[in-house]
């Protein structure tokens, strides 16, 4: 009457190939992203909380986190600096407002410069 532990494991986790394919299909179905020409991104210079060091901040992006990270990667590579993404914002280290605006417009985004 004692069951092997491997028999019990089959009840908790499905090992059939069909169930694994269903999970992959669910991950592939994403909400369609908004095209670049329909988005307005705001570019500003920010020094608050950075000990006087400037950072270029890009806000207003609407899309998935993966798309945001990919856009941030391209911007950081073109500027040759570091940065980060969080809460739908892209932070580029240094004052690269003009360069970032040109790159975003070249990709088809509408941009607005915030501040001087």
N, C-alpha and C. Protein backbone atom coordinates (compact mmCIF):
# COMPACT_ATOMS: atom_id res chain seq x y z
N UNK A 1 0.80 -1.19 0.00
CA UNK A 1 0.00 0.00 0.00
C UNK A 1 0.85 1.26 0.00
N UNK A 2 2.06 1.19 0.39
CA UNK A 2 2.90 2.37 0.40
C UNK A 2 3.25 2.76 -1.03
N UNK A 3 2.97 4.01 -1.35
CA UNK A 3 3.28 4.49 -2.69
C UNK A 3 4.69 5.06 -2.71
N UNK A 4 5.26 4.95 -3.85
CA UNK A 4 6.58 5.51 -4.03
C UNK A 4 6.46 7.04 -4.07
N UNK A 5 7.42 7.77 -3.61
CA UNK A 5 7.35 9.24 -3.58
C UNK A 5 7.29 9.82 -4.98
N UNK A 6 7.81 9.10 -5.96
CA UNK A 6 7.76 9.59 -7.34
C UNK A 6 6.33 9.58 -7.88
N UNK A 7 5.51 8.61 -7.41
CA UNK A 7 4.11 8.56 -7.83
C UNK A 7 3.36 9.78 -7.28
N UNK A 8 3.65 10.16 -6.07
CA UNK A 8 3.00 11.33 -5.47
C UNK A 8 3.45 12.62 -6.15
N UNK A 9 4.66 12.65 -6.62
CA UNK A 9 5.18 13.85 -7.27
C UNK A 9 4.40 14.17 -8.54
N UNK A 10 3.95 13.15 -9.24
CA UNK A 10 3.18 13.35 -10.46
C UNK A 10 1.87 14.07 -10.20
N UNK A 11 1.32 13.94 -9.01
CA UNK A 11 0.07 14.63 -8.68
C UNK A 11 0.30 16.12 -8.46
N UNK A 12 1.44 16.48 -7.92
CA UNK A 12 1.70 17.89 -7.62
C UNK A 12 2.18 18.66 -8.85
N UNK A 13 2.97 18.01 -9.69
CA UNK A 13 3.55 18.66 -10.85
C UNK A 13 3.24 17.84 -12.10
N UNK A 14 2.68 18.49 -13.08
CA UNK A 14 2.39 17.80 -14.32
C UNK A 14 3.66 17.70 -15.14
N UNK A 15 3.96 16.49 -15.60
CA UNK A 15 5.17 16.31 -16.40
C UNK A 15 4.83 16.01 -17.85
N UNK A 16 3.57 16.18 -18.22
CA UNK A 16 3.19 15.92 -19.60
C UNK A 16 3.68 17.06 -20.48
N UNK A 17 4.12 16.78 -21.70
CA UNK A 17 4.62 17.83 -22.58
C UNK A 17 3.53 18.83 -22.98
N UNK A 18 2.26 18.43 -22.99
CA UNK A 18 1.19 19.35 -23.37
C UNK A 18 1.05 20.49 -22.39
N UNK A 19 1.19 20.22 -21.09
CA UNK A 19 1.03 21.29 -20.10
C UNK A 19 2.18 22.29 -20.18
N UNK A 20 3.36 21.85 -20.55
CA UNK A 20 4.49 22.77 -20.67
C UNK A 20 4.30 23.69 -21.86
N UNK A 21 3.74 23.21 -22.96
CA UNK A 21 3.52 24.04 -24.13
C UNK A 21 2.44 25.09 -23.86
N UNK A 22 1.45 24.77 -23.05
CA UNK A 22 0.40 25.73 -22.73
C UNK A 22 0.98 26.93 -22.00
N UNK A 23 1.92 26.69 -21.09
CA UNK A 23 2.54 27.79 -20.35
C UNK A 23 3.34 28.70 -21.28
N UNK A 24 4.04 28.11 -22.25
CA UNK A 24 4.82 28.92 -23.18
C UNK A 24 3.91 29.77 -24.06
N UNK A 25 2.77 29.23 -24.47
CA UNK A 25 1.85 29.99 -25.30
C UNK A 25 1.25 31.15 -24.53
N UNK A 26 0.98 30.97 -23.24
CA UNK A 26 0.44 32.05 -22.43
C UNK A 26 1.47 33.18 -22.29
N UNK A 27 2.74 32.84 -22.16
CA UNK A 27 3.77 33.86 -22.02
C UNK A 27 3.96 34.63 -23.32
N UNK A 28 3.78 33.96 -24.48
CA UNK A 28 3.99 34.61 -25.76
C UNK A 28 2.87 35.59 -26.09
N UNK A 29 1.68 35.36 -25.58
CA UNK A 29 0.57 36.27 -25.84
C UNK A 29 0.74 37.51 -24.98
N UNK A 30 1.08 38.62 -25.63
CA UNK A 30 1.29 39.87 -24.92
C UNK A 30 0.28 40.89 -25.43
N UNK A 31 0.08 41.90 -24.64
CA UNK A 31 -0.78 42.97 -25.11
C UNK A 31 -0.02 43.74 -26.19
N UNK A 32 -0.72 44.15 -27.23
CA UNK A 32 -0.02 44.87 -28.29
C UNK A 32 0.51 46.20 -27.76
N UNK A 33 1.75 46.50 -28.10
CA UNK A 33 2.35 47.73 -27.61
C UNK A 33 1.93 48.91 -28.48
N UNK A 34 2.00 50.08 -27.90
CA UNK A 34 1.64 51.30 -28.61
C UNK A 34 2.79 51.66 -29.54
N UNK A 35 2.51 51.98 -30.80
CA UNK A 35 3.60 52.33 -31.73
C UNK A 35 4.34 53.59 -31.29
N UNK A 36 5.56 53.71 -31.74
CA UNK A 36 6.42 54.83 -31.32
C UNK A 36 5.83 56.18 -31.71
N UNK A 37 5.20 56.26 -32.87
CA UNK A 37 4.69 57.56 -33.33
C UNK A 37 3.47 58.02 -32.55
N UNK A 38 2.88 57.16 -31.74
CA UNK A 38 1.71 57.52 -30.92
C UNK A 38 2.10 57.89 -29.49
N UNK A 39 3.38 57.78 -29.14
CA UNK A 39 3.83 58.05 -27.78
C UNK A 39 4.57 59.38 -27.69
N UNK A 40 4.38 60.07 -26.60
CA UNK A 40 5.12 61.30 -26.32
C UNK A 40 5.99 61.04 -25.10
N UNK A 41 7.29 61.16 -25.28
CA UNK A 41 8.24 60.95 -24.19
C UNK A 41 8.76 62.30 -23.72
N UNK A 42 8.88 62.44 -22.41
CA UNK A 42 9.35 63.67 -21.81
C UNK A 42 10.79 63.48 -21.34
N UNK A 43 11.67 64.40 -21.77
CA UNK A 43 13.09 64.30 -21.46
C UNK A 43 13.46 65.50 -20.59
N UNK A 44 14.06 65.23 -19.43
CA UNK A 44 14.43 66.30 -18.52
C UNK A 44 15.77 66.03 -17.87
N UNK A 45 16.38 67.09 -17.37
CA UNK A 45 17.63 66.98 -16.63
C UNK A 45 17.29 67.00 -15.15
N UNK A 46 17.82 66.05 -14.42
CA UNK A 46 17.49 65.91 -13.00
C UNK A 46 18.76 65.86 -12.18
N UNK A 47 18.80 66.65 -11.09
CA UNK A 47 19.96 66.66 -10.20
C UNK A 47 19.57 66.33 -8.76
N UNK A 48 18.28 66.20 -8.51
CA UNK A 48 17.81 66.01 -7.14
C UNK A 48 18.24 64.66 -6.58
N UNK A 49 18.82 64.67 -5.40
CA UNK A 49 19.20 63.44 -4.72
C UNK A 49 20.39 62.73 -5.32
N UNK A 50 21.20 63.47 -6.11
CA UNK A 50 22.35 62.84 -6.75
C UNK A 50 23.65 63.57 -6.43
N UNK A 51 23.68 64.29 -5.33
CA UNK A 51 24.87 65.03 -4.90
C UNK A 51 25.38 65.98 -5.98
N UNK A 52 24.48 66.63 -6.68
CA UNK A 52 24.86 67.61 -7.69
C UNK A 52 25.18 67.04 -9.05
N UNK A 53 25.21 65.73 -9.17
CA UNK A 53 25.49 65.11 -10.47
C UNK A 53 24.21 65.10 -11.29
N UNK A 54 24.35 65.35 -12.57
CA UNK A 54 23.16 65.43 -13.43
C UNK A 54 22.85 64.07 -14.05
N UNK A 55 21.58 63.90 -14.35
CA UNK A 55 21.11 62.67 -15.00
C UNK A 55 19.98 63.05 -15.94
N UNK A 56 19.93 62.43 -17.09
CA UNK A 56 18.86 62.65 -18.05
C UNK A 56 17.77 61.64 -17.75
N UNK A 57 16.55 62.14 -17.60
CA UNK A 57 15.41 61.31 -17.23
C UNK A 57 14.40 61.30 -18.36
N UNK A 58 14.02 60.10 -18.82
CA UNK A 58 13.03 59.95 -19.89
C UNK A 58 11.80 59.30 -19.26
N UNK A 59 10.65 59.99 -19.34
CA UNK A 59 9.41 59.49 -18.76
C UNK A 59 8.32 59.46 -19.82
N UNK A 60 7.21 58.81 -19.50
CA UNK A 60 6.06 58.78 -20.39
C UNK A 60 6.02 57.58 -21.32
N UNK A 61 6.92 56.61 -21.16
CA UNK A 61 6.94 55.44 -22.03
C UNK A 61 5.79 54.51 -21.68
N UNK A 62 5.05 54.08 -22.70
CA UNK A 62 3.96 53.13 -22.51
C UNK A 62 4.28 51.87 -23.29
N UNK A 63 4.49 50.80 -22.58
CA UNK A 63 4.82 49.52 -23.19
C UNK A 63 5.25 48.55 -22.12
N UNK A 64 5.76 47.42 -22.55
CA UNK A 64 6.18 46.39 -21.61
C UNK A 64 7.53 46.74 -21.01
N UNK A 65 7.86 46.07 -19.91
CA UNK A 65 9.15 46.30 -19.27
C UNK A 65 10.31 45.90 -20.18
N UNK A 66 10.10 44.84 -20.96
CA UNK A 66 11.16 44.40 -21.87
C UNK A 66 11.43 45.46 -22.94
N UNK A 67 10.38 46.08 -23.46
CA UNK A 67 10.56 47.13 -24.46
C UNK A 67 11.26 48.35 -23.84
N UNK A 68 10.90 48.67 -22.59
CA UNK A 68 11.53 49.78 -21.90
C UNK A 68 13.02 49.51 -21.70
N UNK A 69 13.35 48.31 -21.28
CA UNK A 69 14.75 47.96 -21.06
C UNK A 69 15.54 47.97 -22.37
N UNK A 70 14.92 47.54 -23.45
CA UNK A 70 15.58 47.54 -24.75
C UNK A 70 15.84 48.97 -25.23
N UNK A 71 14.86 49.86 -25.06
CA UNK A 71 15.05 51.26 -25.42
C UNK A 71 16.14 51.89 -24.57
N UNK A 72 16.15 51.61 -23.28
CA UNK A 72 17.18 52.14 -22.39
C UNK A 72 18.56 51.63 -22.79
N UNK A 73 18.63 50.37 -23.17
CA UNK A 73 19.92 49.80 -23.59
C UNK A 73 20.46 50.52 -24.81
N UNK A 74 19.58 50.79 -25.79
CA UNK A 74 20.01 51.50 -27.00
C UNK A 74 20.47 52.92 -26.68
N UNK A 75 19.73 53.61 -25.81
CA UNK A 75 20.11 54.97 -25.46
C UNK A 75 21.44 55.01 -24.72
N UNK A 76 21.63 54.09 -23.78
CA UNK A 76 22.88 54.06 -23.01
C UNK A 76 24.06 53.73 -23.92
N UNK A 77 23.85 52.85 -24.87
CA UNK A 77 24.92 52.47 -25.79
C UNK A 77 25.30 53.65 -26.68
N UNK A 78 24.32 54.36 -27.21
CA UNK A 78 24.60 55.50 -28.07
C UNK A 78 25.28 56.64 -27.32
N UNK A 79 24.92 56.83 -26.06
CA UNK A 79 25.54 57.90 -25.26
C UNK A 79 26.87 57.46 -24.65
N UNK A 80 27.09 56.16 -24.55
CA UNK A 80 28.34 55.65 -23.99
C UNK A 80 28.42 55.80 -22.49
N UNK A 81 27.28 55.74 -21.82
CA UNK A 81 27.24 55.91 -20.37
C UNK A 81 26.36 54.84 -19.75
N UNK A 82 26.27 54.85 -18.44
CA UNK A 82 25.42 53.92 -17.71
C UNK A 82 24.06 54.53 -17.45
N UNK A 83 23.23 53.76 -16.81
CA UNK A 83 21.90 54.22 -16.47
C UNK A 83 21.08 53.08 -15.92
N UNK A 84 19.78 53.33 -15.78
CA UNK A 84 18.90 52.30 -15.24
C UNK A 84 17.47 52.54 -15.69
N UNK A 85 16.62 51.56 -15.42
CA UNK A 85 15.19 51.69 -15.68
C UNK A 85 14.46 51.27 -14.43
N UNK A 86 13.43 52.04 -14.08
CA UNK A 86 12.57 51.65 -12.97
C UNK A 86 11.30 52.48 -13.02
N UNK A 87 10.21 51.86 -12.67
CA UNK A 87 8.90 52.51 -12.62
C UNK A 87 8.54 53.21 -13.92
N UNK A 88 8.89 52.63 -15.04
CA UNK A 88 8.54 53.21 -16.34
C UNK A 88 9.39 54.39 -16.73
N UNK A 89 10.52 54.61 -16.07
CA UNK A 89 11.41 55.72 -16.37
C UNK A 89 12.77 55.18 -16.78
N UNK A 90 13.42 55.94 -17.66
CA UNK A 90 14.78 55.62 -18.07
C UNK A 90 15.69 56.70 -17.52
N UNK A 91 16.74 56.31 -16.82
CA UNK A 91 17.69 57.25 -16.26
C UNK A 91 19.03 57.04 -16.97
N UNK A 92 19.53 58.11 -17.60
CA UNK A 92 20.82 58.09 -18.29
C UNK A 92 21.75 58.99 -17.50
N UNK A 93 22.93 58.49 -17.13
CA UNK A 93 23.86 59.27 -16.33
C UNK A 93 24.47 60.37 -17.18
N UNK A 94 24.39 61.60 -16.68
CA UNK A 94 24.98 62.74 -17.37
C UNK A 94 23.94 63.57 -18.10
N UNK A 95 24.40 64.70 -18.65
CA UNK A 95 23.52 65.62 -19.36
C UNK A 95 23.56 65.28 -20.86
N UNK A 96 22.63 64.45 -21.29
CA UNK A 96 22.55 64.03 -22.68
C UNK A 96 21.17 64.32 -23.26
N UNK A 97 20.52 65.40 -22.79
CA UNK A 97 19.15 65.70 -23.24
C UNK A 97 19.06 65.84 -24.75
N UNK A 98 19.92 66.66 -25.35
CA UNK A 98 19.83 66.91 -26.78
C UNK A 98 20.08 65.64 -27.59
N UNK A 99 21.06 64.88 -27.19
CA UNK A 99 21.39 63.64 -27.91
C UNK A 99 20.27 62.61 -27.78
N UNK A 100 19.69 62.50 -26.58
CA UNK A 100 18.59 61.55 -26.35
C UNK A 100 17.37 61.96 -27.16
N UNK A 101 17.07 63.26 -27.19
CA UNK A 101 15.92 63.74 -27.97
C UNK A 101 16.11 63.41 -29.45
N UNK A 102 17.30 63.64 -29.97
CA UNK A 102 17.57 63.33 -31.39
C UNK A 102 17.41 61.84 -31.67
N UNK A 103 17.91 61.00 -30.78
CA UNK A 103 17.81 59.55 -30.98
C UNK A 103 16.36 59.08 -30.92
N UNK A 104 15.59 59.61 -29.96
CA UNK A 104 14.19 59.21 -29.83
C UNK A 104 13.38 59.66 -31.04
N UNK A 105 13.64 60.87 -31.53
CA UNK A 105 12.93 61.35 -32.71
C UNK A 105 13.30 60.54 -33.94
N UNK A 106 14.54 60.09 -34.03
CA UNK A 106 14.97 59.24 -35.15
C UNK A 106 14.25 57.89 -35.13
N UNK A 107 13.88 57.42 -33.94
CA UNK A 107 13.14 56.17 -33.83
C UNK A 107 11.65 56.36 -33.99
N UNK A 108 11.19 57.61 -34.12
CA UNK A 108 9.79 57.88 -34.38
C UNK A 108 8.98 58.34 -33.18
N UNK A 109 9.60 58.54 -32.03
CA UNK A 109 8.89 59.01 -30.85
C UNK A 109 8.71 60.51 -30.92
N UNK A 110 7.60 60.98 -30.37
CA UNK A 110 7.41 62.41 -30.16
C UNK A 110 8.05 62.74 -28.83
N UNK A 111 8.80 63.84 -28.77
CA UNK A 111 9.49 64.19 -27.54
C UNK A 111 9.16 65.61 -27.13
N UNK A 112 9.21 65.83 -25.83
CA UNK A 112 9.06 67.15 -25.26
C UNK A 112 10.17 67.34 -24.23
N UNK A 113 10.82 68.48 -24.31
CA UNK A 113 11.89 68.80 -23.39
C UNK A 113 11.31 69.52 -22.19
N UNK A 114 11.60 69.02 -21.01
CA UNK A 114 11.11 69.64 -19.78
C UNK A 114 12.26 70.41 -19.15
N UNK A 115 12.03 71.65 -18.79
CA UNK A 115 13.06 72.46 -18.17
C UNK A 115 13.84 73.23 -19.22
N UNK A 116 14.84 74.01 -18.76
CA UNK A 116 15.64 74.90 -19.61
C UNK A 116 16.29 74.27 -20.71
